[in-house]
Amino acid sequence: MRWLIDGYNVLIGNDLGWDEPARSRFGSKVAGYFSGKQVEVTIVYDSRNSPVIQRRPLSPVCAEIYAADADCYLIESVERSDHPRAIFLVTDDREVLNAVRHRRPRRIPTVEFLNLLQRPSRPPGEEEKPERDTPANIERYLNIFSGE
């Protein structure tokens, strides 16, 4: 499962700032949320200073990408994917969404994504399994199946 996050679209679109401290807070929150999960997460930002794509790892599963044109990077990433339905695209940018609509990535609105980061739950697509049954559940199962 792959997550592509339109960084400035999330930050600026939700009045969270755009400077280095805002990006750092956001990157830490995203990296922490996805820590230990079997995903690849990329936060993409515009970098008008350099035509070269710069990558900065935030964790083993999360990285920031600074590209000359973040929208083009997002679109090309979806277009090049062999499994675009396995991509969660976090953006509210209509041009990006319209450009990749035919590839049908899973779109997550930025507000919904920010709400997701507030919960200690798993990302969509991953089922949560209990570590073990509780004594109450064991008792319930015994009552249900004892008649068989």
N, C-alpha and C. Protein backbone atom coordinates (compact mmCIF):
# COMPACT_ATOMS: atom_id res chain seq x y z
N MET A 1 0.85 -1.16 0.00
CA MET A 1 0.00 0.00 0.00
C MET A 1 0.90 1.23 0.00
N ARG A 2 0.53 2.20 -0.81
CA ARG A 2 1.33 3.41 -0.95
C ARG A 2 0.47 4.64 -0.68
N TRP A 3 1.04 5.58 0.07
CA TRP A 3 0.38 6.84 0.35
C TRP A 3 1.16 7.96 -0.31
N LEU A 4 0.48 8.77 -1.11
CA LEU A 4 1.06 9.98 -1.70
C LEU A 4 0.33 11.17 -1.11
N ILE A 5 1.08 12.06 -0.46
CA ILE A 5 0.47 13.18 0.25
C ILE A 5 0.93 14.48 -0.37
N ASP A 6 0.00 15.30 -0.80
CA ASP A 6 0.26 16.63 -1.35
C ASP A 6 0.52 17.56 -0.16
N GLY A 7 1.79 17.68 0.22
CA GLY A 7 2.17 18.34 1.46
C GLY A 7 1.65 19.75 1.64
N TYR A 8 1.95 20.63 0.69
CA TYR A 8 1.49 22.01 0.84
C TYR A 8 -0.02 22.12 0.74
N ASN A 9 -0.65 21.24 -0.03
CA ASN A 9 -2.10 21.25 -0.12
C ASN A 9 -2.72 20.96 1.24
N VAL A 10 -2.14 20.01 1.97
CA VAL A 10 -2.62 19.70 3.32
C VAL A 10 -2.34 20.86 4.26
N LEU A 11 -1.10 21.34 4.28
CA LEU A 11 -0.71 22.37 5.25
C LEU A 11 -1.39 23.71 4.99
N ILE A 12 -1.23 24.24 3.80
CA ILE A 12 -1.76 25.57 3.49
C ILE A 12 -3.29 25.53 3.41
N GLY A 13 -3.83 24.47 2.82
CA GLY A 13 -5.28 24.35 2.69
C GLY A 13 -6.02 24.24 4.01
N ASN A 14 -5.28 23.89 5.06
CA ASN A 14 -5.90 23.74 6.38
C ASN A 14 -5.30 24.70 7.40
N ASP A 15 -4.68 25.76 6.89
CA ASP A 15 -4.11 26.83 7.73
C ASP A 15 -3.15 26.32 8.80
N LEU A 16 -2.28 25.38 8.39
CA LEU A 16 -1.30 24.83 9.32
C LEU A 16 0.09 25.42 9.12
N GLY A 17 0.21 26.36 8.18
CA GLY A 17 1.51 26.98 7.89
C GLY A 17 2.14 26.38 6.65
N TRP A 18 3.32 26.86 6.32
CA TRP A 18 4.02 26.37 5.14
C TRP A 18 5.53 26.33 5.35
N ASP A 19 5.99 26.88 6.46
CA ASP A 19 7.42 27.02 6.69
C ASP A 19 8.03 25.72 7.23
N GLU A 20 9.33 25.76 7.48
CA GLU A 20 10.05 24.56 7.95
C GLU A 20 9.47 23.98 9.24
N PRO A 21 9.17 24.81 10.26
CA PRO A 21 8.57 24.22 11.46
C PRO A 21 7.23 23.51 11.19
N ALA A 22 6.41 24.09 10.32
CA ALA A 22 5.12 23.46 9.99
C ALA A 22 5.34 22.13 9.26
N ARG A 23 6.28 22.12 8.31
CA ARG A 23 6.58 20.87 7.59
C ARG A 23 7.17 19.83 8.54
N SER A 24 8.01 20.27 9.45
CA SER A 24 8.63 19.35 10.40
C SER A 24 7.59 18.72 11.33
N ARG A 25 6.67 19.54 11.86
CA ARG A 25 5.61 19.01 12.73
C ARG A 25 4.75 18.00 11.97
N PHE A 26 4.37 18.39 10.76
CA PHE A 26 3.52 17.52 9.94
C PHE A 26 4.25 16.21 9.61
N GLY A 27 5.50 16.31 9.19
CA GLY A 27 6.28 15.12 8.86
C GLY A 27 6.43 14.19 10.05
N SER A 28 6.67 14.75 11.22
CA SER A 28 6.80 13.92 12.44
C SER A 28 5.50 13.21 12.77
N LYS A 29 4.40 13.93 12.61
CA LYS A 29 3.08 13.34 12.92
C LYS A 29 2.77 12.21 11.93
N VAL A 30 3.04 12.44 10.65
CA VAL A 30 2.78 11.41 9.63
C VAL A 30 3.69 10.20 9.86
N ALA A 31 4.98 10.45 10.06
CA ALA A 31 5.93 9.34 10.28
C ALA A 31 5.54 8.55 11.52
N GLY A 32 5.14 9.23 12.58
CA GLY A 32 4.73 8.53 13.80
C GLY A 32 3.49 7.69 13.60
N TYR A 33 2.53 8.23 12.87
CA TYR A 33 1.27 7.50 12.64
C TYR A 33 1.51 6.19 11.88
N PHE A 34 2.37 6.25 10.87
CA PHE A 34 2.59 5.08 10.01
C PHE A 34 3.74 4.19 10.49
N SER A 35 4.35 4.53 11.59
CA SER A 35 5.48 3.76 12.11
C SER A 35 5.11 2.30 12.32
N GLY A 36 5.94 1.41 11.79
CA GLY A 36 5.74 -0.01 11.98
C GLY A 36 4.69 -0.64 11.08
N LYS A 37 4.11 0.13 10.19
CA LYS A 37 3.08 -0.40 9.29
C LYS A 37 3.72 -0.77 7.95
N GLN A 38 3.11 -1.68 7.25
CA GLN A 38 3.60 -2.15 5.96
C GLN A 38 3.10 -1.23 4.84
N VAL A 39 3.61 -0.01 4.81
CA VAL A 39 3.21 0.98 3.83
C VAL A 39 4.44 1.74 3.35
N GLU A 40 4.25 2.47 2.27
CA GLU A 40 5.25 3.42 1.78
C GLU A 40 4.55 4.78 1.73
N VAL A 41 5.07 5.76 2.46
CA VAL A 41 4.44 7.07 2.56
C VAL A 41 5.38 8.13 2.00
N THR A 42 4.86 8.95 1.10
CA THR A 42 5.65 10.03 0.52
C THR A 42 4.88 11.33 0.64
N ILE A 43 5.49 12.31 1.31
CA ILE A 43 4.93 13.65 1.40
C ILE A 43 5.65 14.47 0.33
N VAL A 44 4.89 15.05 -0.59
CA VAL A 44 5.49 15.76 -1.72
C VAL A 44 5.27 17.26 -1.56
N TYR A 45 6.38 18.01 -1.67
CA TYR A 45 6.34 19.47 -1.59
C TYR A 45 6.93 20.07 -2.86
N ASP A 46 6.46 21.27 -3.21
CA ASP A 46 7.08 22.02 -4.30
C ASP A 46 8.42 22.56 -3.83
N SER A 47 9.40 22.53 -4.72
CA SER A 47 10.70 23.12 -4.45
C SER A 47 11.09 23.93 -5.66
N ARG A 48 10.78 25.19 -5.64
CA ARG A 48 11.08 26.06 -6.78
C ARG A 48 12.58 26.38 -6.87
N ASN A 49 13.33 26.04 -5.83
CA ASN A 49 14.76 26.36 -5.81
C ASN A 49 15.61 25.40 -6.62
N SER A 50 15.12 24.21 -6.88
CA SER A 50 15.94 23.20 -7.54
C SER A 50 15.10 22.33 -8.46
N PRO A 51 15.57 22.15 -9.70
CA PRO A 51 14.86 21.25 -10.60
C PRO A 51 15.11 19.78 -10.27
N VAL A 52 16.08 19.52 -9.40
CA VAL A 52 16.41 18.15 -9.01
C VAL A 52 15.51 17.72 -7.86
N ILE A 53 14.99 16.50 -7.96
CA ILE A 53 14.15 15.98 -6.89
C ILE A 53 15.03 15.62 -5.70
N GLN A 54 14.66 16.14 -4.55
CA GLN A 54 15.40 15.87 -3.33
C GLN A 54 14.53 15.02 -2.41
N ARG A 55 15.12 13.98 -1.85
CA ARG A 55 14.39 13.07 -0.98
C ARG A 55 15.01 13.11 0.40
N ARG A 56 14.14 13.20 1.42
CA ARG A 56 14.61 13.20 2.80
C ARG A 56 13.81 12.17 3.58
N PRO A 57 14.46 11.09 4.04
CA PRO A 57 13.73 10.09 4.82
C PRO A 57 13.34 10.64 6.19
N LEU A 58 12.13 10.33 6.61
CA LEU A 58 11.64 10.70 7.94
C LEU A 58 11.57 9.50 8.87
N SER A 59 11.41 8.32 8.28
CA SER A 59 11.35 7.06 9.02
C SER A 59 11.58 5.95 8.00
N PRO A 60 11.63 4.70 8.43
CA PRO A 60 11.81 3.62 7.45
C PRO A 60 10.68 3.53 6.41
N VAL A 61 9.49 4.02 6.73
CA VAL A 61 8.37 3.92 5.80
C VAL A 61 7.91 5.27 5.24
N CYS A 62 8.50 6.37 5.71
CA CYS A 62 8.01 7.70 5.34
C CYS A 62 9.16 8.60 4.87
N ALA A 63 8.91 9.35 3.80
CA ALA A 63 9.91 10.28 3.28
C ALA A 63 9.23 11.54 2.77
N GLU A 64 10.01 12.62 2.73
CA GLU A 64 9.58 13.86 2.09
C GLU A 64 10.30 13.95 0.76
N ILE A 65 9.57 14.41 -0.25
CA ILE A 65 10.15 14.64 -1.57
C ILE A 65 9.95 16.13 -1.88
N TYR A 66 11.01 16.77 -2.33
CA TYR A 66 10.93 18.15 -2.79
C TYR A 66 11.15 18.10 -4.30
N ALA A 67 10.10 18.43 -5.05
CA ALA A 67 10.13 18.35 -6.51
C ALA A 67 9.87 19.74 -7.09
N ALA A 68 10.38 19.97 -8.29
CA ALA A 68 10.17 21.25 -8.96
C ALA A 68 8.68 21.55 -9.11
N ASP A 69 7.86 20.52 -9.33
CA ASP A 69 6.41 20.68 -9.45
C ASP A 69 5.76 19.48 -8.76
N ALA A 70 5.27 19.70 -7.55
CA ALA A 70 4.68 18.61 -6.76
C ALA A 70 3.48 17.98 -7.47
N ASP A 71 2.65 18.80 -8.11
CA ASP A 71 1.48 18.26 -8.80
C ASP A 71 1.89 17.28 -9.89
N CYS A 72 2.89 17.66 -10.68
CA CYS A 72 3.37 16.77 -11.74
C CYS A 72 3.96 15.49 -11.15
N TYR A 73 4.67 15.62 -10.05
CA TYR A 73 5.24 14.43 -9.40
C TYR A 73 4.13 13.48 -8.96
N LEU A 74 3.09 14.02 -8.34
CA LEU A 74 1.97 13.19 -7.88
C LEU A 74 1.29 12.50 -9.06
N ILE A 75 1.00 13.26 -10.10
CA ILE A 75 0.33 12.72 -11.29
C ILE A 75 1.18 11.63 -11.93
N GLU A 76 2.46 11.90 -12.12
CA GLU A 76 3.34 10.92 -12.75
C GLU A 76 3.48 9.66 -11.89
N SER A 77 3.50 9.82 -10.58
CA SER A 77 3.60 8.66 -9.69
C SER A 77 2.39 7.75 -9.85
N VAL A 78 1.21 8.33 -9.93
CA VAL A 78 0.00 7.54 -10.12
C VAL A 78 0.00 6.92 -11.52
N GLU A 79 0.36 7.70 -12.51
CA GLU A 79 0.36 7.21 -13.90
C GLU A 79 1.34 6.05 -14.09
N ARG A 80 2.49 6.10 -13.45
CA ARG A 80 3.51 5.06 -13.61
C ARG A 80 3.24 3.81 -12.79
N SER A 81 2.31 3.90 -11.87
CA SER A 81 2.05 2.77 -10.97
C SER A 81 1.41 1.59 -11.69
N ASP A 82 1.91 0.39 -11.36
CA ASP A 82 1.28 -0.82 -11.87
C ASP A 82 0.01 -1.15 -11.11
N HIS A 83 -0.13 -0.55 -9.92
CA HIS A 83 -1.29 -0.81 -9.06
C HIS A 83 -1.85 0.50 -8.50
N PRO A 84 -2.42 1.33 -9.35
CA PRO A 84 -2.91 2.64 -8.87
C PRO A 84 -4.02 2.54 -7.84
N ARG A 85 -4.78 1.44 -7.83
CA ARG A 85 -5.85 1.29 -6.82
C ARG A 85 -5.27 1.03 -5.44
N ALA A 86 -3.98 0.73 -5.35
CA ALA A 86 -3.32 0.51 -4.06
C ALA A 86 -2.71 1.82 -3.53
N ILE A 87 -2.96 2.92 -4.22
CA ILE A 87 -2.43 4.22 -3.81
C ILE A 87 -3.53 5.01 -3.10
N PHE A 88 -3.17 5.55 -1.94
CA PHE A 88 -4.03 6.51 -1.24
C PHE A 88 -3.46 7.89 -1.57
N LEU A 89 -4.22 8.70 -2.28
CA LEU A 89 -3.80 10.03 -2.70
C LEU A 89 -4.47 11.06 -1.80
N VAL A 90 -3.65 11.77 -1.03
CA VAL A 90 -4.17 12.76 -0.09
C VAL A 90 -4.00 14.14 -0.72
N THR A 91 -5.09 14.68 -1.25
CA THR A 91 -5.08 16.02 -1.85
C THR A 91 -6.51 16.49 -2.04
N ASP A 92 -6.65 17.81 -2.11
CA ASP A 92 -7.92 18.43 -2.49
C ASP A 92 -7.77 19.15 -3.83
N ASP A 93 -6.61 19.03 -4.46
CA ASP A 93 -6.31 19.73 -5.71
C ASP A 93 -7.10 19.11 -6.86
N ARG A 94 -8.05 19.85 -7.39
CA ARG A 94 -8.93 19.34 -8.45
C ARG A 94 -8.17 18.97 -9.72
N GLU A 95 -7.15 19.75 -10.06
CA GLU A 95 -6.38 19.44 -11.27
C GLU A 95 -5.67 18.10 -11.14
N VAL A 96 -5.08 17.84 -9.99
CA VAL A 96 -4.42 16.56 -9.77
C VAL A 96 -5.45 15.43 -9.81
N LEU A 97 -6.55 15.61 -9.12
CA LEU A 97 -7.58 14.57 -9.07
C LEU A 97 -8.16 14.29 -10.45
N ASN A 98 -8.42 15.32 -11.23
CA ASN A 98 -8.94 15.13 -12.58
C ASN A 98 -7.94 14.43 -13.49
N ALA A 99 -6.65 14.73 -13.30
CA ALA A 99 -5.62 14.14 -14.15
C ALA A 99 -5.46 12.64 -13.92
N VAL A 100 -5.75 12.18 -12.71
CA VAL A 100 -5.53 10.75 -12.39
C VAL A 100 -6.84 9.98 -12.20
N ARG A 101 -7.94 10.63 -12.44
CA ARG A 101 -9.25 9.99 -12.22
C ARG A 101 -9.37 8.65 -12.92
N HIS A 102 -8.90 8.55 -14.15
CA HIS A 102 -9.03 7.30 -14.92
C HIS A 102 -8.21 6.15 -14.33
N ARG A 103 -7.20 6.45 -13.51
CA ARG A 103 -6.37 5.42 -12.87
C ARG A 103 -6.99 4.97 -11.54
N ARG A 104 -7.92 5.74 -11.04
CA ARG A 104 -8.72 5.43 -9.85
C ARG A 104 -7.93 5.15 -8.57
N PRO A 105 -6.99 6.05 -8.20
CA PRO A 105 -6.38 5.87 -6.87
C PRO A 105 -7.44 6.18 -5.81
N ARG A 106 -7.19 5.75 -4.61
CA ARG A 106 -8.13 6.03 -3.52
C ARG A 106 -7.85 7.44 -3.02
N ARG A 107 -8.82 8.31 -3.13
CA ARG A 107 -8.64 9.70 -2.75
C ARG A 107 -9.04 9.90 -1.30
N ILE A 108 -8.17 10.56 -0.53
CA ILE A 108 -8.46 10.91 0.86
C ILE A 108 -8.44 12.44 0.93
N PRO A 109 -9.56 13.09 1.26
CA PRO A 109 -9.56 14.55 1.43
C PRO A 109 -8.60 14.94 2.57
N THR A 110 -8.03 16.13 2.47
CA THR A 110 -7.02 16.54 3.45
C THR A 110 -7.57 16.62 4.87
N VAL A 111 -8.78 17.09 5.05
CA VAL A 111 -9.36 17.18 6.39
C VAL A 111 -9.54 15.78 6.97
N GLU A 112 -10.00 14.86 6.15
CA GLU A 112 -10.17 13.48 6.60
C GLU A 112 -8.83 12.87 7.00
N PHE A 113 -7.78 13.18 6.24
CA PHE A 113 -6.45 12.67 6.57
C PHE A 113 -5.95 13.25 7.89
N LEU A 114 -6.15 14.54 8.09
CA LEU A 114 -5.73 15.16 9.35
C LEU A 114 -6.49 14.55 10.53
N ASN A 115 -7.76 14.26 10.34
CA ASN A 115 -8.54 13.60 11.39
C ASN A 115 -8.01 12.19 11.65
N LEU A 116 -7.62 11.51 10.59
CA LEU A 116 -7.04 10.17 10.73
C LEU A 116 -5.77 10.21 11.59
N LEU A 117 -4.95 11.24 11.39
CA LEU A 117 -3.71 11.37 12.16
C LEU A 117 -3.97 11.61 13.64
N GLN A 118 -5.15 12.10 13.98
CA GLN A 118 -5.48 12.37 15.38
C GLN A 118 -5.87 11.10 16.13
N ARG A 119 -6.28 10.07 15.38
CA ARG A 119 -6.72 8.82 16.00
C ARG A 119 -5.57 7.84 16.05
N PRO A 120 -5.53 7.02 17.08
CA PRO A 120 -4.48 6.02 17.15
C PRO A 120 -4.84 4.73 16.40
N SER A 121 -5.72 4.85 15.40
CA SER A 121 -6.16 3.67 14.67
C SER A 121 -5.24 3.41 13.48
N ARG A 122 -5.55 2.32 12.80
CA ARG A 122 -4.79 1.93 11.61
C ARG A 122 -5.32 2.67 10.40
N PRO A 123 -4.49 2.82 9.36
CA PRO A 123 -4.95 3.44 8.12
C PRO A 123 -6.03 2.60 7.45
N PRO A 124 -6.87 3.22 6.60
CA PRO A 124 -7.87 2.44 5.88
C PRO A 124 -7.20 1.34 5.08
N GLY A 125 -7.83 0.20 5.02
CA GLY A 125 -7.26 -0.91 4.27
C GLY A 125 -6.55 -1.91 5.16
N GLU A 126 -6.21 -1.53 6.37
CA GLU A 126 -5.57 -2.45 7.31
C GLU A 126 -6.57 -2.79 8.39
N GLU A 127 -6.79 -4.08 8.59
CA GLU A 127 -7.72 -4.50 9.63
C GLU A 127 -7.00 -4.59 10.96
N GLU A 128 -7.69 -4.19 11.98
CA GLU A 128 -7.13 -4.27 13.32
C GLU A 128 -7.51 -5.60 13.95
N LYS A 129 -6.52 -6.33 14.43
CA LYS A 129 -6.77 -7.61 15.07
C LYS A 129 -6.53 -7.44 16.57
N PRO A 130 -7.39 -8.03 17.39
CA PRO A 130 -7.12 -7.96 18.83
C PRO A 130 -5.90 -8.80 19.15
N GLU A 131 -5.14 -8.38 20.16
CA GLU A 131 -3.97 -9.14 20.55
C GLU A 131 -4.36 -10.51 21.07
N ARG A 132 -5.43 -10.58 21.86
CA ARG A 132 -5.93 -11.85 22.37
C ARG A 132 -7.37 -11.63 22.81
N ASP A 133 -8.07 -12.73 22.97
CA ASP A 133 -9.45 -12.65 23.45
C ASP A 133 -9.48 -12.28 24.92
N THR A 134 -10.47 -11.51 25.28
CA THR A 134 -10.66 -11.16 26.68
C THR A 134 -11.39 -12.30 27.39
N PRO A 135 -11.28 -12.40 28.70
CA PRO A 135 -12.04 -13.43 29.42
C PRO A 135 -13.54 -13.35 29.15
N ALA A 136 -14.06 -12.14 29.01
CA ALA A 136 -15.50 -11.99 28.73
C ALA A 136 -15.85 -12.59 27.37
N ASN A 137 -15.01 -12.36 26.36
CA ASN A 137 -15.27 -12.93 25.04
C ASN A 137 -15.15 -14.45 25.04
N ILE A 138 -14.18 -14.98 25.77
CA ILE A 138 -14.02 -16.43 25.86
C ILE A 138 -15.27 -17.05 26.49
N GLU A 139 -15.74 -16.43 27.56
CA GLU A 139 -16.96 -16.92 28.22
C GLU A 139 -18.15 -16.87 27.26
N ARG A 140 -18.26 -15.79 26.50
CA ARG A 140 -19.33 -15.65 25.53
C ARG A 140 -19.25 -16.74 24.47
N TYR A 141 -18.06 -17.01 23.94
CA TYR A 141 -17.89 -18.06 22.94
C TYR A 141 -18.25 -19.43 23.50
N LEU A 142 -17.84 -19.69 24.73
CA LEU A 142 -18.18 -20.98 25.36
C LEU A 142 -19.68 -21.15 25.48
N ASN A 143 -20.38 -20.08 25.84
CA ASN A 143 -21.84 -20.14 25.94
C ASN A 143 -22.49 -20.37 24.59
N ILE A 144 -21.96 -19.73 23.57
CA ILE A 144 -22.53 -19.86 22.22
C ILE A 144 -22.34 -21.27 21.68
N PHE A 145 -21.12 -21.80 21.81
CA PHE A 145 -20.79 -23.06 21.17
C PHE A 145 -20.92 -24.30 22.08
N SER A 146 -21.28 -24.10 23.32
CA SER A 146 -21.38 -25.26 24.21
C SER A 146 -22.58 -26.15 23.89
N GLY A 147 -23.55 -25.64 23.19
CA GLY A 147 -24.73 -26.41 22.84
C GLY A 147 -24.51 -27.33 21.64
N GLU A 148 -23.39 -27.22 20.97
CA GLU A 148 -23.15 -28.05 19.76
C GLU A 148 -22.59 -29.39 20.09
